[in-house]
């Protein structure tokens, strides 16, 4: 299983970014995917989750109405569209998948840094 995030960077408050997570090594369309983030000195938290077929997305309260998770099961990629970014969104963002092969293991990407600052 390999997950590779991209799309992070420095953005001003109110700006937008789209993160991508390219997946390989498993049947991507068979598994739910999620985005998480970890800010300095804080625990990693779930940001958004999407089912294997792209339905039933759900979000942390802190990002509802601003972030959108979606996926392309042909490109084996999951995305996180982030709008109206705030300084408190600054964190390393990770995509993750669990349950591959019936195991409880959670696989993580290497993360991509998002910094929201003027």
PDB file of N, CA and C in Angstrom:
ATOM      1  N   UNK A   1       0.854  -1.196   0.000  1.00  0.00           N
ATOM      2  CA  UNK A   1       0.000   0.000   0.000  1.00  0.00           C
ATOM      3  C   UNK A   1       0.885   1.239   0.000  1.00  0.00           C
ATOM      4  N   UNK A   2       0.612   2.138  -0.909  1.00  0.00           N
ATOM      5  CA  UNK A   2       1.352   3.391  -0.948  1.00  0.00           C
ATOM      6  C   UNK A   2       0.372   4.540  -1.150  1.00  0.00           C
ATOM      7  N   UNK A   3       0.547   5.571  -0.331  1.00  0.00           N
ATOM      8  CA  UNK A   3      -0.260   6.783  -0.427  1.00  0.00           C
ATOM      9  C   UNK A   3       0.684   7.964  -0.525  1.00  0.00           C
ATOM     10  N   UNK A   4       0.496   8.794  -1.539  1.00  0.00           N
ATOM     11  CA  UNK A   4       1.395   9.923  -1.761  1.00  0.00           C
ATOM     12  C   UNK A   4       0.564  11.199  -1.882  1.00  0.00           C
ATOM     13  N   UNK A   5       0.715  12.068  -0.885  1.00  0.00           N
ATOM     14  CA  UNK A   5      -0.014  13.335  -0.876  1.00  0.00           C
ATOM     15  C   UNK A   5       0.771  14.410  -1.609  1.00  0.00           C
ATOM     16  N   UNK A   6       0.041  15.359  -2.148  1.00  0.00           N
ATOM     17  CA  UNK A   6       0.651  16.518  -2.789  1.00  0.00           C
ATOM     18  C   UNK A   6      -0.341  17.674  -2.748  1.00  0.00           C
ATOM     19  N   UNK A   7       0.154  18.870  -3.067  1.00  0.00           N
ATOM     20  CA  UNK A   7      -0.721  20.023  -3.175  1.00  0.00           C
ATOM     21  C   UNK A   7      -0.659  21.000  -2.019  1.00  0.00           C
ATOM     22  N   UNK A   8       0.112  20.688  -0.990  1.00  0.00           N
ATOM     23  CA  UNK A   8       0.229  21.602   0.122  1.00  0.00           C
ATOM     24  C   UNK A   8       1.046  22.825  -0.239  1.00  0.00           C
ATOM     25  N   UNK A   9       1.089  23.780   0.684  1.00  0.00           N
ATOM     26  CA  UNK A   9       1.870  24.978   0.446  1.00  0.00           C
ATOM     27  C   UNK A   9       1.475  26.096   1.388  1.00  0.00           C
ATOM     28  N   UNK A  10       1.943  27.275   1.067  1.00  0.00           N
ATOM     29  CA  UNK A  10       1.653  28.475   1.839  1.00  0.00           C
ATOM     30  C   UNK A  10       0.533  29.241   1.146  1.00  0.00           C
ATOM     31  N   UNK A  11      -0.499  29.595   1.904  1.00  0.00           N
ATOM     32  CA  UNK A  11      -1.634  30.324   1.345  1.00  0.00           C
ATOM     33  C   UNK A  11      -2.083  31.368   2.340  1.00  0.00           C
ATOM     34  N   UNK A  12      -2.607  32.471   1.844  1.00  0.00           N
ATOM     35  CA  UNK A  12      -3.108  33.520   2.713  1.00  0.00           C
ATOM     36  C   UNK A  12      -4.473  33.145   3.284  1.00  0.00           C
ATOM     37  N   UNK A  13      -4.825  33.685   4.430  1.00  0.00           N
ATOM     38  CA  UNK A  13      -6.172  33.450   4.972  1.00  0.00           C
ATOM     39  C   UNK A  13      -7.238  33.811   3.943  1.00  0.00           C
ATOM     40  N   UNK A  14      -8.244  32.950   3.860  1.00  0.00           N
ATOM     41  CA  UNK A  14      -9.293  33.130   2.864  1.00  0.00           C
ATOM     42  C   UNK A  14      -9.019  32.446   1.550  1.00  0.00           C
ATOM     43  N   UNK A  15      -7.811  31.961   1.374  1.00  0.00           N
ATOM     44  CA  UNK A  15      -7.440  31.319   0.128  1.00  0.00           C
ATOM     45  C   UNK A  15      -7.879  29.866   0.054  1.00  0.00           C
ATOM     46  N   UNK A  16      -7.484  29.223  -1.045  1.00  0.00           N
ATOM     47  CA  UNK A  16      -7.876  27.842  -1.303  1.00  0.00           C
ATOM     48  C   UNK A  16      -6.676  27.002  -1.699  1.00  0.00           C
ATOM     49  N   UNK A  17      -6.787  25.719  -1.418  1.00  0.00           N
ATOM     50  CA  UNK A  17      -5.819  24.726  -1.863  1.00  0.00           C
ATOM     51  C   UNK A  17      -6.575  23.438  -2.160  1.00  0.00           C
ATOM     52  N   UNK A  18      -6.033  22.662  -3.082  1.00  0.00           N
ATOM     53  CA  UNK A  18      -6.559  21.322  -3.316  1.00  0.00           C
ATOM     54  C   UNK A  18      -5.446  20.321  -3.083  1.00  0.00           C
ATOM     55  N   UNK A  19      -5.663  19.438  -2.143  1.00  0.00           N
ATOM     56  CA  UNK A  19      -4.720  18.361  -1.874  1.00  0.00           C
ATOM     57  C   UNK A  19      -5.116  17.121  -2.666  1.00  0.00           C
ATOM     58  N   UNK A  20      -4.107  16.369  -3.065  1.00  0.00           N
ATOM     59  CA  UNK A  20      -4.327  15.109  -3.769  1.00  0.00           C
ATOM     60  C   UNK A  20      -3.609  13.995  -3.026  1.00  0.00           C
ATOM     61  N   UNK A  21      -4.161  12.806  -3.119  1.00  0.00           N
ATOM     62  CA  UNK A  21      -3.531  11.627  -2.543  1.00  0.00           C
ATOM     63  C   UNK A  21      -3.627  10.504  -3.570  1.00  0.00           C
ATOM     64  N   UNK A  22      -2.499  10.163  -4.151  1.00  0.00           N
ATOM     65  CA  UNK A  22      -2.445   9.092  -5.145  1.00  0.00           C
ATOM     66  C   UNK A  22      -2.188   7.767  -4.442  1.00  0.00           C
ATOM     67  N   UNK A  23      -3.054   6.800  -4.698  1.00  0.00           N
ATOM     68  CA  UNK A  23      -2.982   5.511  -4.009  1.00  0.00           C
ATOM     69  C   UNK A  23      -2.550   4.401  -4.959  1.00  0.00           C
ATOM     70  N   UNK A  24      -1.838   3.440  -4.414  1.00  0.00           N
ATOM     71  CA  UNK A  24      -1.443   2.272  -5.189  1.00  0.00           C
ATOM     72  C   UNK A  24      -1.220   1.097  -4.260  1.00  0.00           C
ATOM     73  N   UNK A  25      -1.187  -0.097  -4.840  1.00  0.00           N
ATOM     74  CA  UNK A  25      -0.913  -1.279  -4.052  1.00  0.00           C
ATOM     75  C   UNK A  25      -2.132  -1.964  -3.454  1.00  0.00           C
ATOM     76  N   UNK A  26      -3.297  -1.447  -3.754  1.00  0.00           N
ATOM     77  CA  UNK A  26      -4.533  -2.075  -3.296  1.00  0.00           C
ATOM     78  C   UNK A  26      -5.662  -1.666  -4.222  1.00  0.00           C
ATOM     79  N   UNK A  27      -6.792  -2.311  -4.077  1.00  0.00           N
ATOM     80  CA  UNK A  27      -7.947  -2.015  -4.925  1.00  0.00           C
ATOM     81  C   UNK A  27      -8.634  -0.761  -4.398  1.00  0.00           C
ATOM     82  N   UNK A  28      -8.213   0.365  -4.921  1.00  0.00           N
ATOM     83  CA  UNK A  28      -8.615   1.660  -4.382  1.00  0.00           C
ATOM     84  C   UNK A  28     -10.134   1.791  -4.267  1.00  0.00           C
ATOM     85  N   UNK A  29     -10.848   1.392  -5.275  1.00  0.00           N
ATOM     86  CA  UNK A  29     -12.299   1.564  -5.291  1.00  0.00           C
ATOM     87  C   UNK A  29     -13.041   0.702  -4.297  1.00  0.00           C
ATOM     88  N   UNK A  30     -12.340  -0.148  -3.599  1.00  0.00           N
ATOM     89  CA  UNK A  30     -12.986  -1.008  -2.622  1.00  0.00           C
ATOM     90  C   UNK A  30     -12.932  -0.511  -1.193  1.00  0.00           C
ATOM     91  N   UNK A  31     -12.330   0.646  -0.990  1.00  0.00           N
ATOM     92  CA  UNK A  31     -12.089   1.114   0.383  1.00  0.00           C
ATOM     93  C   UNK A  31     -12.443   2.578   0.572  1.00  0.00           C
ATOM     94  N   UNK A  32     -12.983   2.853   1.760  1.00  0.00           N
ATOM     95  CA  UNK A  32     -13.168   4.233   2.163  1.00  0.00           C
ATOM     96  C   UNK A  32     -11.807   4.884   2.370  1.00  0.00           C
ATOM     97  N   UNK A  33     -11.788   6.189   2.200  1.00  0.00           N
ATOM     98  CA  UNK A  33     -10.557   6.942   2.381  1.00  0.00           C
ATOM     99  C   UNK A  33     -10.819   8.123   3.310  1.00  0.00           C
ATOM    100  N   UNK A  34      -9.770   8.614   3.919  1.00  0.00           N
ATOM    101  CA  UNK A  34      -9.934   9.734   4.829  1.00  0.00           C
ATOM    102  C   UNK A  34      -8.735  10.669   4.759  1.00  0.00           C
ATOM    103  N   UNK A  35      -8.981  11.902   5.171  1.00  0.00           N
ATOM    104  CA  UNK A  35      -7.937  12.905   5.348  1.00  0.00           C
ATOM    105  C   UNK A  35      -7.881  13.260   6.841  1.00  0.00           C
ATOM    106  N   UNK A  36      -6.664  13.411   7.314  1.00  0.00           N
ATOM    107  CA  UNK A  36      -6.412  13.776   8.698  1.00  0.00           C
ATOM    108  C   UNK A  36      -5.408  14.922   8.700  1.00  0.00           C
ATOM    109  N   UNK A  37      -5.273  15.577   9.830  1.00  0.00           N
ATOM    110  CA  UNK A  37      -4.256  16.618   9.954  1.00  0.00           C
ATOM    111  C   UNK A  37      -3.681  16.626  11.361  1.00  0.00           C
ATOM    112  N   UNK A  38      -2.457  17.129  11.442  1.00  0.00           N
ATOM    113  CA  UNK A  38      -1.797  17.253  12.732  1.00  0.00           C
ATOM    114  C   UNK A  38      -1.061  18.578  12.784  1.00  0.00           C
ATOM    115  N   UNK A  39      -1.500  19.414  13.706  1.00  0.00           N
ATOM    116  CA  UNK A  39      -0.845  20.694  13.923  1.00  0.00           C
ATOM    117  C   UNK A  39       0.231  20.522  14.985  1.00  0.00           C
ATOM    118  N   UNK A  40       1.225  21.419  15.010  1.00  0.00           N
ATOM    119  CA  UNK A  40       2.302  21.308  16.006  1.00  0.00           C
ATOM    120  C   UNK A  40       1.750  21.263  17.426  1.00  0.00           C
ATOM    121  N   UNK A  41       2.201  20.278  18.185  1.00  0.00           N
ATOM    122  CA  UNK A  41       1.788  20.165  19.572  1.00  0.00           C
ATOM    123  C   UNK A  41       0.400  19.617  19.796  1.00  0.00           C
ATOM    124  N   UNK A  42      -0.260  19.185  18.725  1.00  0.00           N
ATOM    125  CA  UNK A  42      -1.607  18.661  18.846  1.00  0.00           C
ATOM    126  C   UNK A  42      -1.678  17.235  18.310  1.00  0.00           C
ATOM    127  N   UNK A  43      -2.727  16.538  18.702  1.00  0.00           N
ATOM    128  CA  UNK A  43      -2.936  15.189  18.211  1.00  0.00           C
ATOM    129  C   UNK A  43      -3.469  15.226  16.781  1.00  0.00           C
ATOM    130  N   UNK A  44      -3.211  14.129  16.072  1.00  0.00           N
ATOM    131  CA  UNK A  44      -3.754  14.005  14.724  1.00  0.00           C
ATOM    132  C   UNK A  44      -5.271  13.889  14.813  1.00  0.00           C
ATOM    133  N   UNK A  45      -5.961  14.580  13.913  1.00  0.00           N
ATOM    134  CA  UNK A  45      -7.416  14.566  13.951  1.00  0.00           C
ATOM    135  C   UNK A  45      -7.987  14.255  12.564  1.00  0.00           C
ATOM    136  N   UNK A  46      -9.158  13.620  12.582  1.00  0.00           N
ATOM    137  CA  UNK A  46      -9.862  13.326  11.334  1.00  0.00           C
ATOM    138  C   UNK A  46     -10.473  14.609  10.785  1.00  0.00           C
ATOM    139  N   UNK A  47     -10.237  14.852   9.502  1.00  0.00           N
ATOM    140  CA  UNK A  47     -10.790  16.028   8.834  1.00  0.00           C
ATOM    141  C   UNK A  47     -12.002  15.658   7.983  1.00  0.00           C
ATOM    142  N   UNK A  48     -11.858  14.601   7.182  1.00  0.00           N
ATOM    143  CA  UNK A  48     -12.931  14.223   6.261  1.00  0.00           C
ATOM    144  C   UNK A  48     -12.806  12.751   5.910  1.00  0.00           C
ATOM    145  N   UNK A  49     -13.934  12.159   5.558  1.00  0.00           N
ATOM    146  CA  UNK A  49     -13.995  10.730   5.257  1.00  0.00           C
ATOM    147  C   UNK A  49     -14.972  10.537   4.102  1.00  0.00           C
ATOM    148  N   UNK A  50     -14.657   9.581   3.220  1.00  0.00           N
ATOM    149  CA  UNK A  50     -15.543   9.330   2.086  1.00  0.00           C
ATOM    150  C   UNK A  50     -15.623   7.834   1.848  1.00  0.00           C
ATOM    151  N   UNK A  51     -16.793   7.364   1.462  1.00  0.00           N
ATOM    152  CA  UNK A  51     -16.982   5.935   1.252  1.00  0.00           C
ATOM    153  C   UNK A  51     -16.249   5.473  -0.014  1.00  0.00           C
ATOM    154  N   UNK A  52     -16.250   4.186  -0.223  1.00  0.00           N
ATOM    155  CA  UNK A  52     -15.509   3.609  -1.343  1.00  0.00           C
ATOM    156  C   UNK A  52     -16.042   4.081  -2.699  1.00  0.00           C
ATOM    157  N   UNK A  53     -17.328   4.383  -2.769  1.00  0.00           N
ATOM    158  CA  UNK A  53     -17.917   4.800  -4.039  1.00  0.00           C
ATOM    159  C   UNK A  53     -18.132   6.300  -4.109  1.00  0.00           C
ATOM    160  N   UNK A  54     -17.649   7.018  -3.124  1.00  0.00           N
ATOM    161  CA  UNK A  54     -17.722   8.473  -3.170  1.00  0.00           C
ATOM    162  C   UNK A  54     -18.962   9.080  -2.557  1.00  0.00           C
ATOM    163  N   UNK A  55     -19.739   8.282  -1.910  1.00  0.00           N
ATOM    164  CA  UNK A  55     -20.937   8.805  -1.266  1.00  0.00           C
ATOM    165  C   UNK A  55     -20.667   9.036   0.217  1.00  0.00           C
ATOM    166  N   UNK A  56     -21.630   9.636   0.867  1.00  0.00           N
ATOM    167  CA  UNK A  56     -21.630   9.826   2.322  1.00  0.00           C
ATOM    168  C   UNK A  56     -20.348  10.457   2.845  1.00  0.00           C
ATOM    169  N   UNK A  57     -19.905  11.576   2.258  1.00  0.00           N
ATOM    170  CA  UNK A  57     -18.763  12.239   2.878  1.00  0.00           C
ATOM    171  C   UNK A  57     -19.165  12.815   4.230  1.00  0.00           C
ATOM    172  N   UNK A  58     -18.240  12.809   5.149  1.00  0.00           N
ATOM    173  CA  UNK A  58     -18.492  13.491   6.407  1.00  0.00           C
ATOM    174  C   UNK A  58     -17.244  14.240   6.837  1.00  0.00           C
ATOM    175  N   UNK A  59     -17.455  15.254   7.675  1.00  0.00           N
ATOM    176  CA  UNK A  59     -16.432  16.234   7.972  1.00  0.00           C
ATOM    177  C   UNK A  59     -16.375  16.558   9.459  1.00  0.00           C
ATOM    178  N   UNK A  60     -15.191  16.950   9.887  1.00  0.00           N
ATOM    179  CA  UNK A  60     -15.056  17.528  11.222  1.00  0.00           C
ATOM    180  C   UNK A  60     -15.843  18.834  11.263  1.00  0.00           C
ATOM    181  N   UNK A  61     -16.400  19.133  12.401  1.00  0.00           N
ATOM    182  CA  UNK A  61     -17.194  20.361  12.533  1.00  0.00           C
ATOM    183  C   UNK A  61     -16.385  21.593  12.153  1.00  0.00           C
ATOM    184  N   UNK A  62     -15.103  21.567  12.413  1.00  0.00           N
ATOM    185  CA  UNK A  62     -14.256  22.736  12.185  1.00  0.00           C
ATOM    186  C   UNK A  62     -14.063  23.057  10.705  1.00  0.00           C
ATOM    187  N   UNK A  63     -14.379  22.115   9.815  1.00  0.00           N
ATOM    188  CA  UNK A  63     -14.163  22.350   8.388  1.00  0.00           C
ATOM    189  C   UNK A  63     -15.445  22.260   7.567  1.00  0.00           C
ATOM    190  N   UNK A  64     -16.552  21.931   8.184  1.00  0.00           N
ATOM    191  CA  UNK A  64     -17.820  21.815   7.451  1.00  0.00           C
ATOM    192  C   UNK A  64     -18.153  23.110   6.740  1.00  0.00           C
ATOM    193  N   UNK A  65     -18.562  22.962   5.480  1.00  0.00           N
ATOM    194  CA  UNK A  65     -18.919  24.131   4.679  1.00  0.00           C
ATOM    195  C   UNK A  65     -17.731  24.793   4.006  1.00  0.00           C
ATOM    196  N   UNK A  66     -16.524  24.395   4.366  1.00  0.00           N
ATOM    197  CA  UNK A  66     -15.318  24.977   3.759  1.00  0.00           C
ATOM    198  C   UNK A  66     -14.498  23.953   2.977  1.00  0.00           C
ATOM    199  N   UNK A  67     -14.486  22.726   3.438  1.00  0.00           N
ATOM    200  CA  UNK A  67     -13.698  21.661   2.811  1.00  0.00           C
ATOM    201  C   UNK A  67     -14.630  20.671   2.113  1.00  0.00           C
ATOM    202  N   UNK A  68     -14.124  20.046   1.064  1.00  0.00           N
ATOM    203  CA  UNK A  68     -14.869  18.999   0.373  1.00  0.00           C
ATOM    204  C   UNK A  68     -13.927  17.869   0.009  1.00  0.00           C
ATOM    205  N   UNK A  69     -14.336  16.652   0.336  1.00  0.00           N
ATOM    206  CA  UNK A  69     -13.562  15.466  -0.028  1.00  0.00           C
ATOM    207  C   UNK A  69     -14.257  14.797  -1.213  1.00  0.00           C
ATOM    208  N   UNK A  70     -13.486  14.370  -2.182  1.00  0.00           N
ATOM    209  CA  UNK A  70     -14.037  13.628  -3.303  1.00  0.00           C
ATOM    210  C   UNK A  70     -12.949  12.724  -3.855  1.00  0.00           C
ATOM    211  N   UNK A  71     -13.354  11.792  -4.702  1.00  0.00           N
ATOM    212  CA  UNK A  71     -12.401  10.798  -5.183  1.00  0.00           C
ATOM    213  C   UNK A  71     -12.660  10.465  -6.639  1.00  0.00           C
ATOM    214  N   UNK A  72     -11.623   9.976  -7.277  1.00  0.00           N
ATOM    215  CA  UNK A  72     -11.689   9.503  -8.657  1.00  0.00           C
ATOM    216  C   UNK A  72     -11.184   8.076  -8.656  1.00  0.00           C
ATOM    217  N   UNK A  73     -12.098   7.126  -8.758  1.00  0.00           N
ATOM    218  CA  UNK A  73     -11.714   5.714  -8.672  1.00  0.00           C
ATOM    219  C   UNK A  73     -11.066   5.195  -9.956  1.00  0.00           C
ATOM    220  N   UNK A  74     -11.040   6.007 -10.990  1.00  0.00           N
ATOM    221  CA  UNK A  74     -10.287   5.639 -12.197  1.00  0.00           C
ATOM    222  C   UNK A  74      -8.819   6.048 -12.029  1.00  0.00           C
ATOM    223  N   UNK A  75      -8.622   7.216 -11.444  1.00  0.00           N
ATOM    224  CA  UNK A  75      -7.255   7.715 -11.226  1.00  0.00           C
ATOM    225  C   UNK A  75      -6.664   7.254  -9.900  1.00  0.00           C
ATOM    226  N   UNK A  76      -7.448   6.513  -9.110  1.00  0.00           N
ATOM    227  CA  UNK A  76      -6.969   6.042  -7.804  1.00  0.00           C
ATOM    228  C   UNK A  76      -6.475   7.204  -6.936  1.00  0.00           C
ATOM    229  N   UNK A  77      -7.252   8.240  -6.901  1.00  0.00           N
ATOM    230  CA  UNK A  77      -6.853   9.448  -6.193  1.00  0.00           C
ATOM    231  C   UNK A  77      -8.019   9.987  -5.368  1.00  0.00           C
ATOM    232  N   UNK A  78      -7.692  10.445  -4.174  1.00  0.00           N
ATOM    233  CA  UNK A  78      -8.663  11.135  -3.335  1.00  0.00           C
ATOM    234  C   UNK A  78      -8.179  12.566  -3.141  1.00  0.00           C
ATOM    235  N   UNK A  79      -9.126  13.479  -3.109  1.00  0.00           N
ATOM    236  CA  UNK A  79      -8.806  14.896  -3.052  1.00  0.00           C
ATOM    237  C   UNK A  79      -9.418  15.544  -1.815  1.00  0.00           C
ATOM    238  N   UNK A  80      -8.826  16.656  -1.422  1.00  0.00           N
ATOM    239  CA  UNK A  80      -9.414  17.488  -0.388  1.00  0.00           C
ATOM    240  C   UNK A  80      -9.356  18.931  -0.891  1.00  0.00           C
ATOM    241  N   UNK A  81     -10.514  19.449  -1.238  1.00  0.00           N
ATOM    242  CA  UNK A  81     -10.620  20.849  -1.655  1.00  0.00           C
ATOM    243  C   UNK A  81     -10.831  21.695  -0.404  1.00  0.00           C
ATOM    244  N   UNK A  82      -9.949  22.631  -0.180  1.00  0.00           N
ATOM    245  CA  UNK A  82      -9.998  23.456   1.019  1.00  0.00           C
ATOM    246  C   UNK A  82     -10.201  24.905   0.625  1.00  0.00           C
ATOM    247  N   UNK A  83     -11.314  25.470   1.045  1.00  0.00           N
ATOM    248  CA  UNK A  83     -11.644  26.864   0.750  1.00  0.00           C
ATOM    249  C   UNK A  83     -11.738  27.665   2.042  1.00  0.00           C
ATOM    250  N   UNK A  84     -11.710  28.968   1.896  1.00  0.00           N
ATOM    251  CA  UNK A  84     -11.833  29.872   3.056  1.00  0.00           C
ATOM    252  C   UNK A  84     -10.882  29.452   4.169  1.00  0.00           C
ATOM    253  N   UNK A  85      -9.648  29.223   3.817  1.00  0.00           N
ATOM    254  CA  UNK A  85      -8.674  28.723   4.784  1.00  0.00           C
ATOM    255  C   UNK A  85      -8.411  29.734   5.889  1.00  0.00           C
ATOM    256  N   UNK A  86      -8.167  29.183   7.072  1.00  0.00           N
ATOM    257  CA  UNK A  86      -7.910  29.980   8.270  1.00  0.00           C
ATOM    258  C   UNK A  86      -6.537  29.613   8.825  1.00  0.00           C
ATOM    259  N   UNK A  87      -5.920  30.495   9.587  1.00  0.00           N
ATOM    260  CA  UNK A  87      -4.630  30.155  10.189  1.00  0.00           C
ATOM    261  C   UNK A  87      -4.691  28.866  11.010  1.00  0.00           C
ATOM    262  N   UNK A  88      -5.807  28.592  11.635  1.00  0.00           N
ATOM    263  CA  UNK A  88      -5.930  27.380  12.446  1.00  0.00           C
ATOM    264  C   UNK A  88      -6.010  26.104  11.610  1.00  0.00           C
ATOM    265  N   UNK A  89      -6.087  26.231  10.291  1.00  0.00           N
ATOM    266  CA  UNK A  89      -6.018  25.062   9.419  1.00  0.00           C
ATOM    267  C   UNK A  89      -4.577  24.638   9.144  1.00  0.00           C
ATOM    268  N   UNK A  90      -3.626  25.434   9.606  1.00  0.00           N
ATOM    269  CA  UNK A  90      -2.220  25.098   9.417  1.00  0.00           C
ATOM    270  C   UNK A  90      -1.894  23.770  10.086  1.00  0.00           C
ATOM    271  N   UNK A  91      -1.346  22.851   9.315  1.00  0.00           N
ATOM    272  CA  UNK A  91      -1.052  21.507   9.814  1.00  0.00           C
ATOM    273  C   UNK A  91      -0.394  20.698   8.700  1.00  0.00           C
ATOM    274  N   UNK A  92       0.088  19.538   9.062  1.00  0.00           N
ATOM    275  CA  UNK A  92       0.461  18.537   8.069  1.00  0.00           C
ATOM    276  C   UNK A  92      -0.774  17.680   7.808  1.00  0.00           C
ATOM    277  N   UNK A  93      -1.105  17.540   6.548  1.00  0.00           N
ATOM    278  CA  UNK A  93      -2.303  16.801   6.152  1.00  0.00           C
ATOM    279  C   UNK A  93      -1.906  15.432   5.602  1.00  0.00           C
ATOM    280  N   UNK A  94      -2.615  14.411   6.069  1.00  0.00           N
ATOM    281  CA  UNK A  94      -2.334  13.034   5.689  1.00  0.00           C
ATOM    282  C   UNK A  94      -3.595  12.377   5.122  1.00  0.00           C
ATOM    283  N   UNK A  95      -3.421  11.543   4.122  1.00  0.00           N
ATOM    284  CA  UNK A  95      -4.519  10.669   3.738  1.00  0.00           C
ATOM    285  C   UNK A  95      -4.263   9.287   4.334  1.00  0.00           C
ATOM    286  N   UNK A  96      -5.337   8.529   4.460  1.00  0.00           N
ATOM    287  CA  UNK A  96      -5.225   7.238   5.125  1.00  0.00           C
ATOM    288  C   UNK A  96      -6.266   6.272   4.592  1.00  0.00           C
ATOM    289  N   UNK A  97      -5.942   4.991   4.729  1.00  0.00           N
ATOM    290  CA  UNK A  97      -6.870   3.917   4.390  1.00  0.00           C
ATOM    291  C   UNK A  97      -6.712   2.818   5.427  1.00  0.00           C
ATOM    292  N   UNK A  98      -7.812   2.198   5.772  1.00  0.00           N
ATOM    293  CA  UNK A  98      -7.794   1.108   6.749  1.00  0.00           C
ATOM    294  C   UNK A  98      -8.507  -0.107   6.181  1.00  0.00           C
ATOM    295  N   UNK A  99      -8.180  -1.242   6.734  1.00  0.00           N
ATOM    296  CA  UNK A  99      -8.912  -2.458   6.407  1.00  0.00           C
ATOM    297  C   UNK A  99      -8.484  -3.164   5.152  1.00  0.00           C
ATOM    298  N   UNK A 100      -7.383  -2.725   4.547  1.00  0.00           N
ATOM    299  CA  UNK A 100      -6.925  -3.381   3.319  1.00  0.00           C
ATOM    300  C   UNK A 100      -6.575  -4.842   3.619  1.00  0.00           C
ATOM    301  N   UNK A 101      -7.117  -5.722   2.808  1.00  0.00           N
ATOM    302  CA  UNK A 101      -6.853  -7.136   3.003  1.00  0.00           C
ATOM    303  C   UNK A 101      -7.475  -7.707   4.259  1.00  0.00           C
ATOM    304  N   UNK A 102      -8.451  -7.013   4.800  1.00  0.00           N
ATOM    305  CA  UNK A 102      -9.112  -7.495   6.005  1.00  0.00           C
ATOM    306  C   UNK A 102      -8.345  -7.239   7.285  1.00  0.00           C
ATOM    307  N   UNK A 103      -7.252  -6.516   7.190  1.00  0.00           N
ATOM    308  CA  UNK A 103      -6.448  -6.222   8.379  1.00  0.00           C
ATOM    309  C   UNK A 103      -6.880  -4.903   9.004  1.00  0.00           C
ATOM    310  N   UNK A 104      -6.607  -4.723  10.266  1.00  0.00           N
ATOM    311  CA  UNK A 104      -6.973  -3.491  10.965  1.00  0.00           C
ATOM    312  C   UNK A 104      -5.943  -2.391  10.781  1.00  0.00           C
ATOM    313  N   UNK A 105      -4.877  -2.673  10.100  1.00  0.00           N
ATOM    314  CA  UNK A 105      -3.811  -1.693   9.915  1.00  0.00           C
ATOM    315  C   UNK A 105      -4.315  -0.459   9.191  1.00  0.00           C
ATOM    316  N   UNK A 106      -3.897   0.704   9.663  1.00  0.00           N
ATOM    317  CA  UNK A 106      -4.147   1.960   8.958  1.00  0.00           C
ATOM    318  C   UNK A 106      -2.852   2.368   8.265  1.00  0.00           C
ATOM    319  N   UNK A 107      -2.987   2.603   6.965  1.00  0.00           N
ATOM    320  CA  UNK A 107      -1.846   3.061   6.186  1.00  0.00           C
ATOM    321  C   UNK A 107      -1.938   4.575   6.013  1.00  0.00           C
ATOM    322  N   UNK A 108      -0.782   5.214   6.141  1.00  0.00           N
ATOM    323  CA  UNK A 108      -0.698   6.674   6.044  1.00  0.00           C
ATOM    324  C   UNK A 108       0.257   7.078   4.927  1.00  0.00           C
ATOM    325  N   UNK A 109      -0.030   8.225   4.341  1.00  0.00           N
ATOM    326  CA  UNK A 109       0.943   8.822   3.459  1.00  0.00           C
ATOM    327  C   UNK A 109       1.991   9.564   4.267  1.00  0.00           C
ATOM    328  N   UNK A 110       2.908  10.210   3.552  1.00  0.00           N
ATOM    329  CA  UNK A 110       3.998  10.922   4.218  1.00  0.00           C
ATOM    330  C   UNK A 110       3.579  12.305   4.704  1.00  0.00           C
ATOM    331  N   UNK A 111       2.434  12.769   4.223  1.00  0.00           N
ATOM    332  CA  UNK A 111       1.915  14.061   4.647  1.00  0.00           C
ATOM    333  C   UNK A 111       2.353  15.199   3.744  1.00  0.00           C
ATOM    334  N   UNK A 112       1.536  16.242   3.736  1.00  0.00           N
ATOM    335  CA  UNK A 112       1.868  17.457   2.994  1.00  0.00           C
ATOM    336  C   UNK A 112       1.553  18.660   3.881  1.00  0.00           C
ATOM    337  N   UNK A 113       2.477  19.598   3.944  1.00  0.00           N
ATOM    338  CA  UNK A 113       2.343  20.741   4.844  1.00  0.00           C
ATOM    339  C   UNK A 113       1.425  21.802   4.232  1.00  0.00           C
ATOM    340  N   UNK A 114       0.478  22.255   5.026  1.00  0.00           N
ATOM    341  CA  UNK A 114      -0.378  23.383   4.664  1.00  0.00           C
ATOM    342  C   UNK A 114      -0.154  24.478   5.695  1.00  0.00           C
ATOM    343  N   UNK A 115       0.244  25.645   5.224  1.00  0.00           N
ATOM    344  CA  UNK A 115       0.462  26.786   6.110  1.00  0.00           C
ATOM    345  C   UNK A 115      -0.416  27.937   5.646  1.00  0.00           C
ATOM    346  N   UNK A 116      -1.249  28.412   6.553  1.00  0.00           N
ATOM    347  CA  UNK A 116      -2.155  29.527   6.252  1.00  0.00           C
ATOM    348  C   UNK A 116      -1.671  30.737   7.043  1.00  0.00           C
ATOM    349  N   UNK A 117      -1.146  31.712   6.333  1.00  0.00           N
ATOM    350  CA  UNK A 117      -0.544  32.852   6.996  1.00  0.00           C
ATOM    351  C   UNK A 117      -0.474  34.031   6.034  1.00  0.00           C
ATOM    352  N   UNK A 118      -0.598  35.213   6.593  1.00  0.00           N
ATOM    353  CA  UNK A 118      -0.456  36.424   5.780  1.00  0.00           C
ATOM    354  C   UNK A 118       0.990  36.925   5.835  1.00  0.00           C
TER     355      UNK A 118
END
